[in-house]
PDB file of N, CA and C in Angstrom:
ATOM      1  N   MET A   1     119.191 111.906  47.838  1.00  0.00           N
ATOM      2  CA  MET A   1     117.845 111.551  48.242  1.00  0.00           C
ATOM      3  C   MET A   1     117.102 112.831  48.709  1.00  0.00           C
ATOM      4  N   LYS A   2     117.808 113.780  49.305  1.00  0.00           N
ATOM      5  CA  LYS A   2     117.149 114.970  49.810  1.00  0.00           C
ATOM      6  C   LYS A   2     116.510 115.768  48.690  1.00  0.00           C
ATOM      7  N   SER A   3     117.182 115.870  47.537  1.00  0.00           N
ATOM      8  CA  SER A   3     116.616 116.626  46.407  1.00  0.00           C
ATOM      9  C   SER A   3     115.310 115.987  45.947  1.00  0.00           C
ATOM     10  N   LYS A   4     115.182 114.663  46.030  1.00  0.00           N
ATOM     11  CA  LYS A   4     113.955 113.995  45.669  1.00  0.00           C
ATOM     12  C   LYS A   4     112.850 114.431  46.647  1.00  0.00           C
ATOM     13  N   TRP A   5     113.198 114.479  47.947  1.00  0.00           N
ATOM     14  CA  TRP A   5     112.205 114.898  48.950  1.00  0.00           C
ATOM     15  C   TRP A   5     111.728 116.313  48.735  1.00  0.00           C
ATOM     16  N   VAL A   6     112.655 117.172  48.449  1.00  0.00           N
ATOM     17  CA  VAL A   6     112.286 118.588  48.224  1.00  0.00           C
ATOM     18  C   VAL A   6     111.329 118.669  47.007  1.00  0.00           C
ATOM     19  N   GLY A   7     111.662 117.929  45.968  1.00  0.00           N
ATOM     20  CA  GLY A   7     110.808 117.920  44.787  1.00  0.00           C
ATOM     21  C   GLY A   7     109.386 117.393  45.110  1.00  0.00           C
ATOM     22  N   VAL A   8     109.323 116.356  45.914  1.00  0.00           N
ATOM     23  CA  VAL A   8     108.015 115.801  46.312  1.00  0.00           C
ATOM     24  C   VAL A   8     107.233 116.829  47.127  1.00  0.00           C
ATOM     25  N   VAL A   9     107.867 117.502  48.053  1.00  0.00           N
ATOM     26  CA  VAL A   9     107.160 118.491  48.877  1.00  0.00           C
ATOM     27  C   VAL A   9     106.649 119.639  47.987  1.00  0.00           C
ATOM     28  N   VAL A  10     107.474 120.098  47.065  1.00  0.00           N
ATOM     29  CA  VAL A  10     107.051 121.178  46.157  1.00  0.00           C
ATOM     30  C   VAL A  10     105.868 120.686  45.336  1.00  0.00           C
ATOM     31  N   LEU A  11     105.951 119.451  44.849  1.00  0.00           N
ATOM     32  CA  LEU A  11     104.860 118.896  44.080  1.00  0.00           C
ATOM     33  C   LEU A  11     103.602 118.785  44.913  1.00  0.00           C
ATOM     34  N   LEU A  12     103.720 118.340  46.141  1.00  0.00           N
ATOM     35  CA  LEU A  12     102.568 118.200  47.018  1.00  0.00           C
ATOM     36  C   LEU A  12     101.847 119.580  47.232  1.00  0.00           C
ATOM     37  N   LEU A  13     102.679 120.569  47.432  1.00  0.00           N
ATOM     38  CA  LEU A  13     102.106 121.913  47.643  1.00  0.00           C
ATOM     39  C   LEU A  13     101.378 122.401  46.366  1.00  0.00           C
ATOM     40  N   ALA A  14     101.925 122.116  45.230  1.00  0.00           N
ATOM     41  CA  ALA A  14     101.267 122.479  43.978  1.00  0.00           C
ATOM     42  C   ALA A  14      99.977 121.703  43.782  1.00  0.00           C
ATOM     43  N   ILE A  15     100.023 120.431  44.124  1.00  0.00           N
ATOM     44  CA  ILE A  15      98.818 119.593  43.975  1.00  0.00           C
ATOM     45  C   ILE A  15      97.729 120.036  44.918  1.00  0.00           C
ATOM     46  N   SER A  16      98.080 120.344  46.149  1.00  0.00           N
ATOM     47  CA  SER A  16      97.064 120.713  47.124  1.00  0.00           C
ATOM     48  C   SER A  16      96.340 122.017  46.741  1.00  0.00           C
ATOM     49  N   SER A  17      97.057 122.918  46.028  1.00  0.00           N
ATOM     50  CA  SER A  17      96.382 124.127  45.607  1.00  0.00           C
ATOM     51  C   SER A  17      95.702 123.950  44.268  1.00  0.00           C
ATOM     52  N   ALA A  18      96.179 123.057  43.430  1.00  0.00           N
ATOM     53  CA  ALA A  18      95.551 122.887  42.092  1.00  0.00           C
ATOM     54  C   ALA A  18      94.380 121.885  42.159  1.00  0.00           C
ATOM     55  N   VAL A  19      94.496 120.854  42.929  1.00  0.00           N
ATOM     56  CA  VAL A  19      93.479 119.812  42.958  1.00  0.00           C
ATOM     57  C   VAL A  19      92.421 120.138  43.990  1.00  0.00           C
ATOM     58  N   GLY A  20      92.787 120.855  45.020  1.00  0.00           N
ATOM     59  CA  GLY A  20      91.841 121.078  46.139  1.00  0.00           C
ATOM     60  C   GLY A  20      92.112 120.025  47.196  1.00  0.00           C
ATOM     61  N   CYS A  21      91.942 120.432  48.427  1.00  0.00           N
ATOM     62  CA  CYS A  21      92.279 119.558  49.523  1.00  0.00           C
ATOM     63  C   CYS A  21      91.030 118.951  50.137  1.00  0.00           C
ATOM     64  N   SER A  22      91.179 117.729  50.537  1.00  0.00           N
ATOM     65  CA  SER A  22      90.123 117.079  51.285  1.00  0.00           C
ATOM     66  C   SER A  22      90.727 116.095  52.247  1.00  0.00           C
ATOM     67  N   SER A  23      89.992 115.703  53.234  1.00  0.00           N
ATOM     68  CA  SER A  23      90.527 114.722  54.148  1.00  0.00           C
ATOM     69  C   SER A  23      90.495 113.346  53.503  1.00  0.00           C
ATOM     70  N   SER A  24      91.192 112.411  54.061  1.00  0.00           N
ATOM     71  CA  SER A  24      91.220 111.085  53.484  1.00  0.00           C
ATOM     72  C   SER A  24      89.827 110.473  53.511  1.00  0.00           C
ATOM     73  N   ASP A  25      88.978 110.850  54.468  1.00  0.00           N
ATOM     74  CA  ASP A  25      87.610 110.327  54.510  1.00  0.00           C
ATOM     75  C   ASP A  25      86.808 110.785  53.305  1.00  0.00           C
ATOM     76  N   GLU A  26      87.075 111.976  52.830  1.00  0.00           N
ATOM     77  CA  GLU A  26      86.331 112.503  51.685  1.00  0.00           C
ATOM     78  C   GLU A  26      86.852 111.974  50.380  1.00  0.00           C
ATOM     79  N   SER A  27      87.978 111.304  50.341  1.00  0.00           N
ATOM     80  CA  SER A  27      88.532 110.829  49.094  1.00  0.00           C
ATOM     81  C   SER A  27      88.639 109.303  49.052  1.00  0.00           C
ATOM     82  N   ASN A  28      87.666 108.645  49.683  1.00  0.00           N
ATOM     83  CA  ASN A  28      87.619 107.201  49.715  1.00  0.00           C
ATOM     84  C   ASN A  28      88.930 106.603  50.254  1.00  0.00           C
ATOM     85  N   GLY A  29      89.607 107.338  51.126  1.00  0.00           N
ATOM     86  CA  GLY A  29      90.775 106.823  51.789  1.00  0.00           C
ATOM     87  C   GLY A  29      92.065 106.917  50.978  1.00  0.00           C
ATOM     88  N   THR A  30      92.057 107.468  49.774  1.00  0.00           N
ATOM     89  CA  THR A  30      93.264 107.475  48.965  1.00  0.00           C
ATOM     90  C   THR A  30      94.358 108.327  49.617  1.00  0.00           C
ATOM     91  N   GLY A  31      93.997 109.457  50.202  1.00  0.00           N
ATOM     92  CA  GLY A  31      94.961 110.290  50.883  1.00  0.00           C
ATOM     93  C   GLY A  31      95.532 109.597  52.107  1.00  0.00           C
ATOM     94  N   GLY A  32      94.656 108.967  52.852  1.00  0.00           N
ATOM     95  CA  GLY A  32      95.049 108.205  54.039  1.00  0.00           C
ATOM     96  C   GLY A  32      95.964 107.030  53.649  1.00  0.00           C
ATOM     97  N   ALA A  33      95.609 106.369  52.557  1.00  0.00           N
ATOM     98  CA  ALA A  33      96.435 105.226  52.076  1.00  0.00           C
ATOM     99  C   ALA A  33      97.785 105.703  51.630  1.00  0.00           C
ATOM    100  N   ALA A  34      97.838 106.850  50.945  1.00  0.00           N
ATOM    101  CA  ALA A  34      99.117 107.400  50.490  1.00  0.00           C
ATOM    102  C   ALA A  34      99.978 107.772  51.686  1.00  0.00           C
ATOM    103  N   LEU A  35      99.361 108.366  52.683  1.00  0.00           N
ATOM    104  CA  LEU A  35     100.093 108.751  53.907  1.00  0.00           C
ATOM    105  C   LEU A  35     100.608 107.512  54.623  1.00  0.00           C
ATOM    106  N   ALA A  36      99.830 106.498  54.751  1.00  0.00           N
ATOM    107  CA  ALA A  36     100.283 105.257  55.403  1.00  0.00           C
ATOM    108  C   ALA A  36     101.439 104.615  54.627  1.00  0.00           C
ATOM    109  N   ALA A  37     101.320 104.614  53.281  1.00  0.00           N
ATOM    110  CA  ALA A  37     102.403 104.049  52.489  1.00  0.00           C
ATOM    111  C   ALA A  37     103.714 104.858  52.660  1.00  0.00           C
ATOM    112  N   CYS A  38     103.595 106.156  52.685  1.00  0.00           N
ATOM    113  CA  CYS A  38     104.755 107.010  52.886  1.00  0.00           C
ATOM    114  C   CYS A  38     105.378 106.766  54.258  1.00  0.00           C
ATOM    115  N   ASN A  39     104.569 106.741  55.271  1.00  0.00           N
ATOM    116  CA  ASN A  39     105.071 106.491  56.620  1.00  0.00           C
ATOM    117  C   ASN A  39     105.769 105.146  56.732  1.00  0.00           C
ATOM    118  N   SER A  40     105.206 104.152  56.079  1.00  0.00           N
ATOM    119  CA  SER A  40     105.802 102.804  56.084  1.00  0.00           C
ATOM    120  C   SER A  40     107.145 102.791  55.338  1.00  0.00           C
ATOM    121  N   TYR A  41     107.232 103.487  54.207  1.00  0.00           N
ATOM    122  CA  TYR A  41     108.494 103.611  53.485  1.00  0.00           C
ATOM    123  C   TYR A  41     109.521 104.327  54.359  1.00  0.00           C
ATOM    124  N   CYS A  42     109.108 105.424  55.001  1.00  0.00           N
ATOM    125  CA  CYS A  42     110.046 106.194  55.843  1.00  0.00           C
ATOM    126  C   CYS A  42     110.565 105.352  56.980  1.00  0.00           C
ATOM    127  N   ASP A  43     109.676 104.529  57.601  1.00  0.00           N
ATOM    128  CA  ASP A  43     110.123 103.663  58.692  1.00  0.00           C
ATOM    129  C   ASP A  43     111.186 102.698  58.203  1.00  0.00           C
ATOM    130  N   ALA A  44     110.976 102.162  56.992  1.00  0.00           N
ATOM    131  CA  ALA A  44     111.982 101.233  56.412  1.00  0.00           C
ATOM    132  C   ALA A  44     113.277 101.957  56.075  1.00  0.00           C
ATOM    133  N   ALA A  45     113.171 103.187  55.560  1.00  0.00           N
ATOM    134  CA  ALA A  45     114.357 103.984  55.231  1.00  0.00           C
ATOM    135  C   ALA A  45     115.142 104.332  56.488  1.00  0.00           C
ATOM    136  N   ILE A  46     114.429 104.681  57.559  1.00  0.00           N
ATOM    137  CA  ILE A  46     115.091 105.002  58.821  1.00  0.00           C
ATOM    138  C   ILE A  46     115.777 103.746  59.378  1.00  0.00           C
ATOM    139  N   ALA A  47     115.116 102.593  59.318  1.00  0.00           N
ATOM    140  CA  ALA A  47     115.684 101.354  59.804  1.00  0.00           C
ATOM    141  C   ALA A  47     116.976 101.004  59.078  1.00  0.00           C
ATOM    142  N   LYS A  48     117.079 101.350  57.792  1.00  0.00           N
ATOM    143  CA  LYS A  48     118.246 101.051  56.999  1.00  0.00           C
ATOM    144  C   LYS A  48     119.280 102.174  57.017  1.00  0.00           C
ATOM    145  N   SER A  49     118.976 103.260  57.753  1.00  0.00           N
ATOM    146  CA  SER A  49     119.852 104.427  57.850  1.00  0.00           C
ATOM    147  C   SER A  49     120.171 105.042  56.481  1.00  0.00           C
ATOM    148  N   CYS A  50     119.118 105.127  55.644  1.00  0.00           N
ATOM    149  CA  CYS A  50     119.307 105.810  54.339  1.00  0.00           C
ATOM    150  C   CYS A  50     119.606 107.276  54.571  1.00  0.00           C
ATOM    151  N   ALA A  51     120.297 107.872  53.596  1.00  0.00           N
ATOM    152  CA  ALA A  51     120.652 109.293  53.720  1.00  0.00           C
ATOM    153  C   ALA A  51     119.425 110.128  53.902  1.00  0.00           C
ATOM    154  N   ASP A  52     119.485 111.083  54.822  1.00  0.00           N
ATOM    155  CA  ASP A  52     118.384 112.045  55.099  1.00  0.00           C
ATOM    156  C   ASP A  52     117.093 111.381  55.538  1.00  0.00           C
ATOM    157  N   SER A  53     117.152 110.127  55.960  1.00  0.00           N
ATOM    158  CA  SER A  53     115.900 109.424  56.338  1.00  0.00           C
ATOM    159  C   SER A  53     115.265 109.961  57.633  1.00  0.00           C
ATOM    160  N   ALA A  54     116.062 110.599  58.498  1.00  0.00           N
ATOM    161  CA  ALA A  54     115.531 111.096  59.736  1.00  0.00           C
ATOM    162  C   ALA A  54     114.413 112.100  59.516  1.00  0.00           C
ATOM    163  N   ASP A  55     114.469 112.856  58.413  1.00  0.00           N
ATOM    164  CA  ASP A  55     113.465 113.852  58.120  1.00  0.00           C
ATOM    165  C   ASP A  55     112.442 113.374  57.110  1.00  0.00           C
ATOM    166  N   CYS A  56     112.451 112.094  56.800  1.00  0.00           N
ATOM    167  CA  CYS A  56     111.574 111.542  55.771  1.00  0.00           C
ATOM    168  C   CYS A  56     110.129 111.875  55.964  1.00  0.00           C
ATOM    169  N   LYS A  57     109.588 111.593  57.155  1.00  0.00           N
ATOM    170  CA  LYS A  57     108.152 111.789  57.384  1.00  0.00           C
ATOM    171  C   LYS A  57     107.754 113.258  57.268  1.00  0.00           C
ATOM    172  N   VAL A  58     108.613 114.148  57.776  1.00  0.00           N
ATOM    173  CA  VAL A  58     108.314 115.571  57.704  1.00  0.00           C
ATOM    174  C   VAL A  58     108.406 116.061  56.252  1.00  0.00           C
ATOM    175  N   ASN A  59     109.450 115.624  55.540  1.00  0.00           N
ATOM    176  CA  ASN A  59     109.679 116.152  54.189  1.00  0.00           C
ATOM    177  C   ASN A  59     108.836 115.450  53.133  1.00  0.00           C
ATOM    178  N   GLU A  60     108.578 114.140  53.305  1.00  0.00           N
ATOM    179  CA  GLU A  60     107.889 113.388  52.249  1.00  0.00           C
ATOM    180  C   GLU A  60     106.402 113.252  52.510  1.00  0.00           C
ATOM    181  N   CYS A  61     106.014 113.046  53.725  1.00  0.00           N
ATOM    182  CA  CYS A  61     104.640 112.609  54.039  1.00  0.00           C
ATOM    183  C   CYS A  61     103.668 113.737  54.356  1.00  0.00           C
ATOM    184  N   ALA A  62     104.188 114.908  54.688  1.00  0.00           N
ATOM    185  CA  ALA A  62     103.331 116.020  55.006  1.00  0.00           C
ATOM    186  C   ALA A  62     102.364 116.317  53.878  1.00  0.00           C
ATOM    187  N   GLU A  63     101.127 116.498  54.186  1.00  0.00           N
ATOM    188  CA  GLU A  63     100.088 116.847  53.204  1.00  0.00           C
ATOM    189  C   GLU A  63      99.593 115.698  52.355  1.00  0.00           C
ATOM    190  N   LEU A  64     100.184 114.509  52.445  1.00  0.00           N
ATOM    191  CA  LEU A  64      99.733 113.424  51.591  1.00  0.00           C
ATOM    192  C   LEU A  64      98.312 113.029  51.932  1.00  0.00           C
ATOM    193  N   ASP A  65      97.867 113.249  53.133  1.00  0.00           N
ATOM    194  CA  ASP A  65      96.465 112.881  53.489  1.00  0.00           C
ATOM    195  C   ASP A  65      95.472 113.721  52.716  1.00  0.00           C
ATOM    196  N   LYS A  66      95.963 114.766  52.060  1.00  0.00           N
ATOM    197  CA  LYS A  66      95.044 115.646  51.248  1.00  0.00           C
ATOM    198  C   LYS A  66      94.975 115.226  49.797  1.00  0.00           C
ATOM    199  N   ALA A  67      95.776 114.239  49.386  1.00  0.00           N
ATOM    200  CA  ALA A  67      95.733 113.787  48.000  1.00  0.00           C
ATOM    201  C   ALA A  67      94.407 113.096  47.762  1.00  0.00           C
ATOM    202  N   THR A  68      93.796 113.330  46.620  1.00  0.00           N
ATOM    203  CA  THR A  68      92.493 112.773  46.333  1.00  0.00           C
ATOM    204  C   THR A  68      92.532 111.837  45.128  1.00  0.00           C
ATOM    205  N   GLY A  69      91.593 110.919  45.096  1.00  0.00           N
ATOM    206  CA  GLY A  69      91.350 110.036  43.950  1.00  0.00           C
ATOM    207  C   GLY A  69      92.594 109.398  43.391  1.00  0.00           C
ATOM    208  N   ALA A  70      92.699 109.495  42.063  1.00  0.00           N
ATOM    209  CA  ALA A  70      93.794 108.860  41.359  1.00  0.00           C
ATOM    210  C   ALA A  70      95.155 109.439  41.750  1.00  0.00           C
ATOM    211  N   CYS A  71      95.178 110.654  42.172  1.00  0.00           N
ATOM    212  CA  CYS A  71      96.412 111.300  42.640  1.00  0.00           C
ATOM    213  C   CYS A  71      96.892 110.624  43.906  1.00  0.00           C
ATOM    214  N   GLY A  72      96.001 110.419  44.846  1.00  0.00           N
ATOM    215  CA  GLY A  72      96.341 109.663  46.079  1.00  0.00           C
ATOM    216  C   GLY A  72      96.821 108.301  45.764  1.00  0.00           C
ATOM    217  N   THR A  73      96.190 107.630  44.835  1.00  0.00           N
ATOM    218  CA  THR A  73      96.598 106.295  44.421  1.00  0.00           C
ATOM    219  C   THR A  73      97.995 106.303  43.822  1.00  0.00           C
ATOM    220  N   ALA A  74      98.330 107.322  43.030  1.00  0.00           N
ATOM    221  CA  ALA A  74      99.648 107.447  42.438  1.00  0.00           C
ATOM    222  C   ALA A  74     100.722 107.567  43.505  1.00  0.00           C
ATOM    223  N   PHE A  75     100.460 108.383  44.533  1.00  0.00           N
ATOM    224  CA  PHE A  75     101.427 108.536  45.616  1.00  0.00           C
ATOM    225  C   PHE A  75     101.551 107.194  46.418  1.00  0.00           C
ATOM    226  N   LYS A  76     100.481 106.532  46.662  1.00  0.00           N
ATOM    227  CA  LYS A  76     100.507 105.256  47.366  1.00  0.00           C
ATOM    228  C   LYS A  76     101.332 104.251  46.592  1.00  0.00           C
ATOM    229  N   THR A  77     101.116 104.184  45.290  1.00  0.00           N
ATOM    230  CA  THR A  77     101.856 103.245  44.430  1.00  0.00           C
ATOM    231  C   THR A  77     103.345 103.563  44.467  1.00  0.00           C
ATOM    232  N   TYR A  78     103.679 104.852  44.433  1.00  0.00           N
ATOM    233  CA  TYR A  78     105.076 105.266  44.464  1.00  0.00           C
ATOM    234  C   TYR A  78     105.754 104.839  45.763  1.00  0.00           C
ATOM    235  N   TYR A  79     105.141 105.127  46.909  1.00  0.00           N
ATOM    236  CA  TYR A  79     105.776 104.769  48.167  1.00  0.00           C
ATOM    237  C   TYR A  79     105.769 103.274  48.424  1.00  0.00           C
ATOM    238  N   ASP A  80     104.757 102.560  47.945  1.00  0.00           N
ATOM    239  CA  ASP A  80     104.780 101.099  48.022  1.00  0.00           C
ATOM    240  C   ASP A  80     105.953 100.542  47.225  1.00  0.00           C
ATOM    241  N   CYS A  81     106.199 101.125  46.042  1.00  0.00           N
ATOM    242  CA  CYS A  81     107.335 100.715  45.178  1.00  0.00           C
ATOM    243  C   CYS A  81     108.651 100.984  45.884  1.00  0.00           C
ATOM    244  N   LEU A  82     108.788 102.168  46.480  1.00  0.00           N
ATOM    245  CA  LEU A  82     110.068 102.478  47.150  1.00  0.00           C
ATOM    246  C   LEU A  82     110.348 101.501  48.261  1.00  0.00           C
ATOM    247  N   LYS A  83     109.327 101.149  49.044  1.00  0.00           N
ATOM    248  CA  LYS A  83     109.508 100.247  50.145  1.00  0.00           C
ATOM    249  C   LYS A  83     109.822  98.841  49.672  1.00  0.00           C
ATOM    250  N   ALA A  84     109.285  98.448  48.527  1.00  0.00           N
ATOM    251  CA  ALA A  84     109.465  97.090  48.032  1.00  0.00           C
ATOM    252  C   ALA A  84     110.765  96.836  47.299  1.00  0.00           C
ATOM    253  N   GLN A  85     111.554  97.886  47.051  1.00  0.00           N
ATOM    254  CA  GLN A  85     112.859  97.737  46.385  1.00  0.00           C
ATOM    255  C   GLN A  85     113.758  96.817  47.169  1.00  0.00           C
ATOM    256  N   SER A  86     114.610  96.091  46.478  1.00  0.00           N
ATOM    257  CA  SER A  86     115.575  95.232  47.177  1.00  0.00           C
ATOM    258  C   SER A  86     116.484  96.063  48.099  1.00  0.00           C
ATOM    259  N   ASP A  87     116.765  97.308  47.688  1.00  0.00           N
ATOM    260  CA  ASP A  87     117.528  98.219  48.493  1.00  0.00           C
ATOM    261  C   ASP A  87     116.624  99.443  48.728  1.00  0.00           C
ATOM    262  N   VAL A  88     116.040  99.500  49.951  1.00  0.00           N
ATOM    263  CA  VAL A  88     115.083 100.556  50.243  1.00  0.00           C
ATOM    264  C   VAL A  88     115.698 101.975  50.093  1.00  0.00           C
ATOM    265  N   CYS A  89     116.991 102.050  50.121  1.00  0.00           N
ATOM    266  CA  CYS A  89     117.669 103.358  49.932  1.00  0.00           C
ATOM    267  C   CYS A  89     117.817 103.704  48.444  1.00  0.00           C
ATOM    268  N   GLY A  90     117.532 102.776  47.575  1.00  0.00           N
ATOM    269  CA  GLY A  90     117.640 103.055  46.159  1.00  0.00           C
ATOM    270  C   GLY A  90     116.513 103.923  45.638  1.00  0.00           C
ATOM    271  N   MET A  91     116.670 104.423  44.463  1.00  0.00           N
ATOM    272  CA  MET A  91     115.661 105.305  43.884  1.00  0.00           C
ATOM    273  C   MET A  91     115.252 104.797  42.512  1.00  0.00           C
ATOM    274  N   THR A  92     114.702 103.585  42.432  1.00  0.00           N
ATOM    275  CA  THR A  92     114.377 103.022  41.134  1.00  0.00           C
ATOM    276  C   THR A  92     112.901 103.203  40.745  1.00  0.00           C
ATOM    277  N   CYS A  93     112.111 103.809  41.612  1.00  0.00           N
ATOM    278  CA  CYS A  93     110.693 104.004  41.328  1.00  0.00           C
ATOM    279  C   CYS A  93     110.437 105.415  40.789  1.00  0.00           C
ATOM    280  N   THR A  94     109.378 105.542  40.021  1.00  0.00           N
ATOM    281  CA  THR A  94     108.980 106.827  39.501  1.00  0.00           C
ATOM    282  C   THR A  94     107.600 107.213  39.959  1.00  0.00           C
ATOM    283  N   LEU A  95     107.364 108.474  40.109  1.00  0.00           N
ATOM    284  CA  LEU A  95     106.074 108.987  40.546  1.00  0.00           C
ATOM    285  C   LEU A  95     105.378 109.601  39.316  1.00  0.00           C
ATOM    286  N   ASN A  96     104.243 109.009  38.974  1.00  0.00           N
ATOM    287  CA  ASN A  96     103.461 109.512  37.852  1.00  0.00           C
ATOM    288  C   ASN A  96     102.369 110.441  38.360  1.00  0.00           C
ATOM    289  N   THR A  97     102.577 111.754  38.183  1.00  0.00           N
ATOM    290  CA  THR A  97     101.643 112.715  38.702  1.00  0.00           C
ATOM    291  C   THR A  97     100.635 113.197  37.671  1.00  0.00           C
ATOM    292  N   SER A  98     100.567 112.540  36.528  1.00  0.00           N
ATOM    293  CA  SER A  98      99.624 113.004  35.508  1.00  0.00           C
ATOM    294  C   SER A  98      98.178 113.009  35.974  1.00  0.00           C
ATOM    295  N   SER A  99      97.861 112.142  36.951  1.00  0.00           N
ATOM    296  CA  SER A  99      96.501 112.118  37.472  1.00  0.00           C
ATOM    297  C   SER A  99      96.227 113.189  38.486  1.00  0.00           C
ATOM    298  N   CYS A 100      97.247 113.984  38.815  1.00  0.00           N
ATOM    299  CA  CYS A 100      97.113 115.024  39.831  1.00  0.00           C
ATOM    300  C   CYS A 100      96.800 116.405  39.258  1.00  0.00           C
ATOM    301  N   GLN A 101      96.615 116.488  37.942  1.00  0.00           N
ATOM    302  CA  GLN A 101      96.426 117.813  37.349  1.00  0.00           C
ATOM    303  C   GLN A 101      94.988 117.994  36.919  1.00  0.00           C
TER     304      GLN A 101
END
């Protein structure tokens, strides 16, 4: 699970420099919604004691409030999917970042 988190953080850093950063207020709330979905997923992962979940919010959710438009929506969809899995520790969801470029 940790390698997934590292990949997401690297991707977030690339997105923030490629797409440009804005607050969630400037992006019709998509960054804020993505951040809320990530935090909610992390809370569920922590509650289930998933591997590496203690660092979830720091590793996964940092910078998500800067995601804009369709990119923010993609991250929200991804974290909503992760939380909705029958096993929140599973990794059956995919993140489509094509809208982030």
